[in-house]
Amino acid sequence: MNPKHVLSSLACALLLSACATDGDNVRSDKSVVPTLERALVDADSAIAAGHSDRAQSILKTAATSYPADKTPWLHLAQLKFDRASYGEAIMHALEALQRDPSDKLGNSIVAVSGLRLSTKALADLSQQNNLNGPLRSEAQDLAKLLRSSLGEDVLVPSAASQRRAAAPAKKSAGPAVAPAKSANQSNSSDPFGALK
């Protein structure tokens, strides 16, 4: 026999033997996808231990493993909301709402996170005295919508009215009158002051 044929036959035999299997024992290291419930328990344990990055990783893996389920997305949204990462909380809550548009927690996270981001942006604009023109009128329209939705006359009570409400009523000769503010005056700690 030609030595070249022997070497090529031997190489083929080695390659084929590398592909052979011995039944169930070959792939005992298959990655096992944990159940969704197990993933949620593991994520909660990681959060309790102060490992929010690990919890986030577990929840993202669960969201990938169970793409039709809203639960991992809601947990991710709550995790981000609790850490004041409102933009990310909104994104994750919207993912959950794609799976269940009527979910109350998802809608609540979107609404409250959006309001907190808006409040911060309005406060920043108010401090810079840049809340004017169409932005001001749109903010006023939104404030009216919020007041009617919440059934409140004032969205954010001023510090003085909060102190008056908390203080015990004193007997006086007449009703207390608060000093009037001009239309351009607003409390710098109250981003909705100019919108009342």
C-alpha atoms as a PDB file:
ATOM      1  CA  MET A   1       0.000   0.000   0.000  1.00  0.00           C
ATOM      2  CA  ASN A   2       1.060   3.521  -0.739  1.00  0.00           C
ATOM      3  CA  PRO A   3       2.037   5.495   2.430  1.00  0.00           C
ATOM      4  CA  LYS A   4       0.008   8.497   1.207  1.00  0.00           C
ATOM      5  CA  HIS A   5      -3.155   6.377   1.061  1.00  0.00           C
ATOM      6  CA  VAL A   6      -2.504   5.009   4.552  1.00  0.00           C
ATOM      7  CA  LEU A   7      -2.068   8.510   6.008  1.00  0.00           C
ATOM      8  CA  SER A   8      -5.181   9.869   4.331  1.00  0.00           C
ATOM      9  CA  SER A   9      -7.199   6.821   5.445  1.00  0.00           C
ATOM     10  CA  LEU A  10      -5.925   7.256   8.988  1.00  0.00           C
ATOM     11  CA  ALA A  11      -6.805  10.975   8.952  1.00  0.00           C
ATOM     12  CA  CYS A  12     -10.339  10.184   7.740  1.00  0.00           C
ATOM     13  CA  ALA A  13     -10.744   7.549  10.440  1.00  0.00           C
ATOM     14  CA  LEU A  14      -9.632  10.015  13.135  1.00  0.00           C
ATOM     15  CA  LEU A  15     -12.052  12.695  11.898  1.00  0.00           C
ATOM     16  CA  LEU A  16     -14.943  10.253  11.814  1.00  0.00           C
ATOM     17  CA  SER A  17     -14.173   8.950  15.280  1.00  0.00           C
ATOM     18  CA  ALA A  18     -14.160  12.527  16.612  1.00  0.00           C
ATOM     19  CA  CYS A  19     -17.726  12.916  15.351  1.00  0.00           C
ATOM     20  CA  ALA A  20     -18.963   9.653  16.852  1.00  0.00           C
ATOM     21  CA  THR A  21     -21.276   9.812  19.830  1.00  0.00           C
ATOM     22  CA  ASP A  22     -21.851   7.497  22.713  1.00  0.00           C
ATOM     23  CA  GLY A  23     -25.496   8.336  23.289  1.00  0.00           C
ATOM     24  CA  ASP A  24     -26.629  10.418  26.249  1.00  0.00           C
ATOM     25  CA  ASN A  25     -23.150  10.762  27.744  1.00  0.00           C
ATOM     26  CA  VAL A  26     -21.744  12.984  25.009  1.00  0.00           C
ATOM     27  CA  ARG A  27     -23.480  16.278  25.799  1.00  0.00           C
ATOM     28  CA  SER A  28     -24.040  16.290  29.529  1.00  0.00           C
ATOM     29  CA  ASP A  29     -22.992  19.977  29.589  1.00  0.00           C
ATOM     30  CA  LYS A  30     -26.094  21.215  27.716  1.00  0.00           C
ATOM     31  CA  SER A  31     -27.175  24.582  29.025  1.00  0.00           C
ATOM     32  CA  VAL A  32     -30.396  24.167  30.907  1.00  0.00           C
ATOM     33  CA  VAL A  33     -32.772  27.111  30.666  1.00  0.00           C
ATOM     34  CA  PRO A  34     -34.178  27.789  34.133  1.00  0.00           C
ATOM     35  CA  THR A  35     -37.896  28.207  34.492  1.00  0.00           C
ATOM     36  CA  LEU A  36     -39.196  31.750  34.530  1.00  0.00           C
ATOM     37  CA  GLU A  37     -40.179  31.392  38.178  1.00  0.00           C
ATOM     38  CA  ARG A  38     -36.642  30.247  39.060  1.00  0.00           C
ATOM     39  CA  ALA A  39     -35.127  33.171  37.170  1.00  0.00           C
ATOM     40  CA  LEU A  40     -37.371  35.632  39.042  1.00  0.00           C
ATOM     41  CA  VAL A  41     -36.437  34.095  42.396  1.00  0.00           C
ATOM     42  CA  ASP A  42     -32.741  34.281  41.476  1.00  0.00           C
ATOM     43  CA  ALA A  43     -33.125  37.921  40.400  1.00  0.00           C
ATOM     44  CA  ASP A  44     -34.918  38.805  43.642  1.00  0.00           C
ATOM     45  CA  SER A  45     -32.146  37.093  45.633  1.00  0.00           C
ATOM     46  CA  ALA A  46     -29.510  39.035  43.715  1.00  0.00           C
ATOM     47  CA  ILE A  47     -31.339  42.312  44.412  1.00  0.00           C
ATOM     48  CA  ALA A  48     -31.638  41.466  48.108  1.00  0.00           C
ATOM     49  CA  ALA A  49     -27.891  40.767  48.186  1.00  0.00           C
ATOM     50  CA  GLY A  50     -27.204  44.137  46.560  1.00  0.00           C
ATOM     51  CA  HIS A  51     -26.174  42.732  43.182  1.00  0.00           C
ATOM     52  CA  SER A  52     -28.475  44.666  40.872  1.00  0.00           C
ATOM     53  CA  ASP A  53     -26.210  44.108  37.848  1.00  0.00           C
ATOM     54  CA  ARG A  54     -26.505  40.349  38.314  1.00  0.00           C
ATOM     55  CA  ALA A  55     -30.273  40.650  38.743  1.00  0.00           C
ATOM     56  CA  GLN A  56     -30.472  42.679  35.552  1.00  0.00           C
ATOM     57  CA  SER A  57     -28.458  40.034  33.688  1.00  0.00           C
ATOM     58  CA  ILE A  58     -30.721  37.243  34.993  1.00  0.00           C
ATOM     59  CA  LEU A  59     -33.849  39.157  33.967  1.00  0.00           C
ATOM     60  CA  LYS A  60     -32.496  39.934  30.482  1.00  0.00           C
ATOM     61  CA  THR A  61     -31.676  36.244  29.991  1.00  0.00           C
ATOM     62  CA  ALA A  62     -35.193  35.339  31.136  1.00  0.00           C
ATOM     63  CA  ALA A  63     -36.664  37.898  28.720  1.00  0.00           C
ATOM     64  CA  THR A  64     -34.697  36.274  25.898  1.00  0.00           C
ATOM     65  CA  SER A  65     -35.648  32.747  26.967  1.00  0.00           C
ATOM     66  CA  TYR A  66     -39.342  33.623  27.360  1.00  0.00           C
ATOM     67  CA  PRO A  67     -39.921  36.278  24.675  1.00  0.00           C
ATOM     68  CA  ALA A  68     -43.723  36.233  24.885  1.00  0.00           C
ATOM     69  CA  ASP A  69     -43.846  36.822  28.651  1.00  0.00           C
ATOM     70  CA  LYS A  70     -44.134  40.338  30.071  1.00  0.00           C
ATOM     71  CA  THR A  71     -42.919  39.429  33.572  1.00  0.00           C
ATOM     72  CA  PRO A  72     -39.131  39.776  33.086  1.00  0.00           C
ATOM     73  CA  TRP A  73     -39.675  43.151  31.410  1.00  0.00           C
ATOM     74  CA  LEU A  74     -41.855  44.361  34.278  1.00  0.00           C
ATOM     75  CA  HIS A  75     -39.216  43.301  36.795  1.00  0.00           C
ATOM     76  CA  LEU A  76     -36.518  45.085  34.782  1.00  0.00           C
ATOM     77  CA  ALA A  77     -38.713  48.202  34.613  1.00  0.00           C
ATOM     78  CA  GLN A  78     -39.310  48.107  38.381  1.00  0.00           C
ATOM     79  CA  LEU A  79     -35.581  47.584  39.022  1.00  0.00           C
ATOM     80  CA  LYS A  80     -34.689  50.644  36.928  1.00  0.00           C
ATOM     81  CA  PHE A  81     -37.533  52.710  38.424  1.00  0.00           C
ATOM     82  CA  ASP A  82     -36.346  51.923  41.963  1.00  0.00           C
ATOM     83  CA  ARG A  83     -32.887  53.177  40.991  1.00  0.00           C
ATOM     84  CA  ALA A  84     -34.273  56.391  39.449  1.00  0.00           C
ATOM     85  CA  SER A  85     -33.232  55.363  35.923  1.00  0.00           C
ATOM     86  CA  TYR A  86     -36.549  56.557  34.567  1.00  0.00           C
ATOM     87  CA  GLY A  87     -35.656  56.481  30.866  1.00  0.00           C
ATOM     88  CA  GLU A  88     -34.640  52.822  31.046  1.00  0.00           C
ATOM     89  CA  ALA A  89     -37.657  52.063  33.241  1.00  0.00           C
ATOM     90  CA  ILE A  90     -39.907  53.465  30.510  1.00  0.00           C
ATOM     91  CA  MET A  91     -38.172  51.399  27.814  1.00  0.00           C
ATOM     92  CA  HIS A  92     -38.560  48.144  29.769  1.00  0.00           C
ATOM     93  CA  ALA A  93     -42.158  48.929  30.718  1.00  0.00           C
ATOM     94  CA  LEU A  94     -42.970  49.589  27.060  1.00  0.00           C
ATOM     95  CA  GLU A  95     -41.563  46.144  26.222  1.00  0.00           C
ATOM     96  CA  ALA A  96     -43.952  44.645  28.778  1.00  0.00           C
ATOM     97  CA  LEU A  97     -46.836  46.693  27.359  1.00  0.00           C
ATOM     98  CA  GLN A  98     -46.149  45.300  23.894  1.00  0.00           C
ATOM     99  CA  ARG A  99     -46.948  41.902  25.366  1.00  0.00           C
ATOM    100  CA  ASP A 100     -49.919  43.107  27.446  1.00  0.00           C
ATOM    101  CA  PRO A 101     -51.152  46.648  26.625  1.00  0.00           C
ATOM    102  CA  SER A 102     -53.549  46.706  29.580  1.00  0.00           C
ATOM    103  CA  ASP A 103     -50.963  45.914  32.272  1.00  0.00           C
ATOM    104  CA  LYS A 104     -51.476  48.404  35.120  1.00  0.00           C
ATOM    105  CA  LEU A 105     -47.953  48.190  36.528  1.00  0.00           C
ATOM    106  CA  GLY A 106     -46.386  48.782  33.106  1.00  0.00           C
ATOM    107  CA  ASN A 107     -48.655  51.756  32.427  1.00  0.00           C
ATOM    108  CA  SER A 108     -47.995  53.145  35.911  1.00  0.00           C
ATOM    109  CA  ILE A 109     -44.223  52.914  35.501  1.00  0.00           C
ATOM    110  CA  VAL A 110     -44.416  54.674  32.131  1.00  0.00           C
ATOM    111  CA  ALA A 111     -46.677  57.438  33.504  1.00  0.00           C
ATOM    112  CA  VAL A 112     -44.824  58.112  36.756  1.00  0.00           C
ATOM    113  CA  SER A 113     -41.363  57.827  35.183  1.00  0.00           C
ATOM    114  CA  GLY A 114     -42.432  60.208  32.436  1.00  0.00           C
ATOM    115  CA  LEU A 115     -43.787  62.674  34.977  1.00  0.00           C
ATOM    116  CA  ARG A 116     -40.596  62.531  37.020  1.00  0.00           C
ATOM    117  CA  LEU A 117     -38.469  63.169  33.927  1.00  0.00           C
ATOM    118  CA  SER A 118     -40.785  66.002  32.879  1.00  0.00           C
ATOM    119  CA  THR A 119     -40.747  67.541  36.344  1.00  0.00           C
ATOM    120  CA  LYS A 120     -36.958  67.535  36.391  1.00  0.00           C
ATOM    121  CA  ALA A 121     -36.764  69.047  32.899  1.00  0.00           C
ATOM    122  CA  LEU A 122     -39.302  71.737  33.803  1.00  0.00           C
ATOM    123  CA  ALA A 123     -37.410  72.541  36.991  1.00  0.00           C
ATOM    124  CA  ASP A 124     -34.185  72.884  35.009  1.00  0.00           C
ATOM    125  CA  LEU A 125     -35.893  75.148  32.455  1.00  0.00           C
ATOM    126  CA  SER A 126     -37.507  77.181  35.219  1.00  0.00           C
ATOM    127  CA  GLN A 127     -34.134  77.772  36.871  1.00  0.00           C
ATOM    128  CA  GLN A 128     -32.778  78.961  33.528  1.00  0.00           C
ATOM    129  CA  ASN A 129     -35.863  81.141  32.925  1.00  0.00           C
ATOM    130  CA  ASN A 130     -36.343  79.437  29.547  1.00  0.00           C
ATOM    131  CA  LEU A 131     -39.929  78.280  29.976  1.00  0.00           C
ATOM    132  CA  ASN A 132     -41.674  80.513  27.462  1.00  0.00           C
ATOM    133  CA  GLY A 133     -43.390  80.534  24.078  1.00  0.00           C
ATOM    134  CA  PRO A 134     -44.956  77.329  22.765  1.00  0.00           C
ATOM    135  CA  LEU A 135     -43.158  75.248  25.389  1.00  0.00           C
ATOM    136  CA  ARG A 136     -44.823  77.233  28.170  1.00  0.00           C
ATOM    137  CA  SER A 137     -48.303  76.949  26.652  1.00  0.00           C
ATOM    138  CA  GLU A 138     -47.861  73.198  26.092  1.00  0.00           C
ATOM    139  CA  ALA A 139     -46.696  72.776  29.700  1.00  0.00           C
ATOM    140  CA  GLN A 140     -49.756  74.724  30.874  1.00  0.00           C
ATOM    141  CA  ASP A 141     -52.032  72.490  28.784  1.00  0.00           C
ATOM    142  CA  LEU A 142     -50.393  69.392  30.267  1.00  0.00           C
ATOM    143  CA  ALA A 143     -50.775  70.810  33.774  1.00  0.00           C
ATOM    144  CA  LYS A 144     -54.499  71.392  33.131  1.00  0.00           C
ATOM    145  CA  LEU A 145     -54.843  67.805  31.896  1.00  0.00           C
ATOM    146  CA  LEU A 146     -53.035  66.486  34.974  1.00  0.00           C
ATOM    147  CA  ARG A 147     -55.183  68.597  37.319  1.00  0.00           C
ATOM    148  CA  SER A 148     -58.386  67.326  35.727  1.00  0.00           C
ATOM    149  CA  SER A 149     -57.126  63.708  35.641  1.00  0.00           C
ATOM    150  CA  LEU A 150     -56.112  63.802  39.295  1.00  0.00           C
ATOM    151  CA  GLY A 151     -59.083  65.894  40.416  1.00  0.00           C
ATOM    152  CA  GLU A 152     -56.782  68.444  42.048  1.00  0.00           C
ATOM    153  CA  ASP A 153     -56.903  72.233  41.804  1.00  0.00           C
ATOM    154  CA  VAL A 154     -53.143  72.486  42.438  1.00  0.00           C
ATOM    155  CA  LEU A 155     -50.657  69.889  41.236  1.00  0.00           C
ATOM    156  CA  VAL A 156     -47.768  70.745  43.544  1.00  0.00           C
ATOM    157  CA  PRO A 157     -48.736  72.717  46.632  1.00  0.00           C
ATOM    158  CA  SER A 158     -46.373  75.518  47.583  1.00  0.00           C
ATOM    159  CA  ALA A 159     -44.255  75.138  50.702  1.00  0.00           C
ATOM    160  CA  ALA A 160     -46.287  77.859  52.467  1.00  0.00           C
ATOM    161  CA  SER A 161     -49.609  76.113  51.833  1.00  0.00           C
ATOM    162  CA  GLN A 162     -48.128  72.812  53.011  1.00  0.00           C
ATOM    163  CA  ARG A 163     -47.004  74.464  56.267  1.00  0.00           C
ATOM    164  CA  ARG A 164     -50.422  76.080  56.724  1.00  0.00           C
ATOM    165  CA  ALA A 165     -52.162  72.763  56.200  1.00  0.00           C
ATOM    166  CA  ALA A 166     -49.850  71.042  58.675  1.00  0.00           C
ATOM    167  CA  ALA A 167     -50.080  73.780  61.337  1.00  0.00           C
ATOM    168  CA  PRO A 168     -52.981  73.627  63.815  1.00  0.00           C
ATOM    169  CA  ALA A 169     -55.730  76.142  63.166  1.00  0.00           C
ATOM    170  CA  LYS A 170     -55.385  79.343  65.222  1.00  0.00           C
ATOM    171  CA  LYS A 171     -58.287  81.565  66.153  1.00  0.00           C
ATOM    172  CA  SER A 172     -58.004  84.933  64.476  1.00  0.00           C
ATOM    173  CA  ALA A 173     -60.119  87.970  63.899  1.00  0.00           C
ATOM    174  CA  GLY A 174     -60.346  87.360  60.150  1.00  0.00           C
ATOM    175  CA  PRO A 175     -59.299  84.927  57.457  1.00  0.00           C
ATOM    176  CA  ALA A 176     -55.619  84.699  56.639  1.00  0.00           C
ATOM    177  CA  VAL A 177     -54.751  86.121  53.247  1.00  0.00           C
ATOM    178  CA  ALA A 178     -51.672  84.948  51.416  1.00  0.00           C
ATOM    179  CA  PRO A 179     -49.710  87.600  49.535  1.00  0.00           C
ATOM    180  CA  ALA A 180     -50.518  87.562  45.858  1.00  0.00           C
ATOM    181  CA  LYS A 181     -47.814  86.640  43.371  1.00  0.00           C
ATOM    182  CA  SER A 182     -47.427  88.277  40.039  1.00  0.00           C
ATOM    183  CA  ALA A 183     -47.937  86.176  36.928  1.00  0.00           C
ATOM    184  CA  ASN A 184     -44.184  85.974  36.317  1.00  0.00           C
ATOM    185  CA  GLN A 185     -43.238  84.998  39.876  1.00  0.00           C
ATOM    186  CA  SER A 186     -42.774  81.347  40.693  1.00  0.00           C
ATOM    187  CA  ASN A 187     -41.270  79.338  43.482  1.00  0.00           C
ATOM    188  CA  SER A 188     -37.917  78.022  42.190  1.00  0.00           C
ATOM    189  CA  SER A 189     -38.429  74.748  44.087  1.00  0.00           C
ATOM    190  CA  ASP A 190     -41.807  74.314  42.433  1.00  0.00           C
ATOM    191  CA  PRO A 191     -41.494  73.558  38.719  1.00  0.00           C
ATOM    192  CA  PHE A 192     -45.252  73.886  38.248  1.00  0.00           C
ATOM    193  CA  GLY A 193     -45.470  77.213  40.129  1.00  0.00           C
ATOM    194  CA  ALA A 194     -45.990  79.280  37.024  1.00  0.00           C
ATOM    195  CA  LEU A 195     -48.586  76.822  35.767  1.00  0.00           C
ATOM    196  CA  LYS A 196     -51.084  77.131  38.640  1.00  0.00           C
END
